[in-house]
Amino acid sequence: MYRALVALGNILYAARQFNTPLPAEDVARARSTLEGIEKLSLPPRSGQSAVDLAAEQRKIANVAKEILGAL
């Protein structure tokens, strides 16, 4: 999930840098998805500790907030 969010952020950044805005519908969909990220509850992977899972969730939430700030 983290890598997908980073890819989304890169797409949005590139669109802005090259002055090729994305369609409003796509931006609205991205915003809606990013706003819902914090509500997600990731299931632990096999052998993953609660501390590692919490760190992963924070990392994902932080990148989502960063991308939202750029929208």
Protein backbone atom coordinates (compact mmCIF):
# COMPACT_ATOMS: atom_id res chain seq x y z
CA MET A 1 0.00 0.00 0.00
CA TYR A 2 2.83 2.39 0.86
CA ARG A 3 4.47 1.95 -2.54
CA ALA A 4 1.16 2.53 -4.32
CA LEU A 5 0.69 5.77 -2.39
CA VAL A 6 4.19 6.92 -3.26
CA ALA A 7 3.45 6.17 -6.93
CA LEU A 8 0.25 8.22 -6.70
CA GLY A 9 2.19 11.08 -5.15
CA ASN A 10 4.75 10.88 -7.96
CA ILE A 11 2.01 11.01 -10.60
CA LEU A 12 0.42 14.05 -8.98
CA TYR A 13 3.80 15.74 -8.61
CA ALA A 14 4.76 15.06 -12.23
CA ALA A 15 1.42 16.36 -13.48
CA ARG A 16 2.00 19.59 -11.61
CA GLN A 17 5.65 19.92 -12.67
CA PHE A 18 4.82 19.43 -16.36
CA ASN A 19 1.72 21.64 -16.13
CA THR A 20 -0.57 18.82 -17.23
CA PRO A 21 -3.34 18.76 -14.66
CA LEU A 22 -5.20 15.56 -14.07
CA PRO A 23 -8.94 15.43 -14.69
CA ALA A 24 -10.94 16.79 -11.75
CA GLU A 25 -12.69 13.44 -11.36
CA ASP A 26 -9.37 11.65 -10.88
CA VAL A 27 -8.17 14.22 -8.35
CA ALA A 28 -11.47 13.95 -6.44
CA ARG A 29 -11.17 10.15 -6.39
CA ALA A 30 -7.57 10.37 -5.15
CA ARG A 31 -8.58 12.85 -2.44
CA SER A 32 -11.43 10.63 -1.28
CA THR A 33 -9.17 7.58 -1.14
CA LEU A 34 -6.43 9.43 0.71
CA GLU A 35 -8.87 10.82 3.26
CA GLY A 36 -10.07 7.29 4.00
CA ILE A 37 -6.60 5.84 4.54
CA GLU A 38 -6.47 6.61 8.27
CA LYS A 39 -9.68 4.64 8.83
CA LEU A 40 -8.18 1.48 7.37
CA SER A 41 -7.16 -1.25 9.72
CA LEU A 42 -4.39 -3.34 8.27
CA PRO A 43 -4.32 -6.99 9.24
CA PRO A 44 -0.97 -8.12 10.65
CA ARG A 45 1.20 -10.16 8.33
CA SER A 46 2.45 -13.50 9.49
CA GLY A 47 4.99 -12.93 12.26
CA GLN A 48 4.48 -9.16 12.32
CA SER A 49 4.49 -7.65 15.79
CA ALA A 50 1.92 -5.12 16.93
CA VAL A 51 4.66 -2.49 17.14
CA ASP A 52 5.72 -3.10 13.54
CA LEU A 53 2.11 -3.01 12.36
CA ALA A 54 1.52 0.31 14.15
CA ALA A 55 4.68 1.74 12.58
CA GLU A 56 3.55 0.61 9.14
CA GLN A 57 0.13 2.21 9.64
CA ARG A 58 1.76 5.49 10.74
CA LYS A 59 4.04 5.45 7.71
CA ILE A 60 1.08 4.96 5.37
CA ALA A 61 -0.99 7.65 7.11
CA ASN A 62 1.92 10.11 6.95
CA VAL A 63 2.49 9.67 3.23
CA ALA A 64 -1.27 10.00 2.61
CA LYS A 65 -1.30 13.29 4.56
CA GLU A 66 1.68 14.55 2.60
CA ILE A 67 -0.02 13.80 -0.71
CA LEU A 68 -3.27 15.40 0.49
CA GLY A 69 -1.32 18.51 1.36
CA ALA A 70 0.00 18.65 -2.19
CA LEU A 71 -3.44 18.36 -3.75
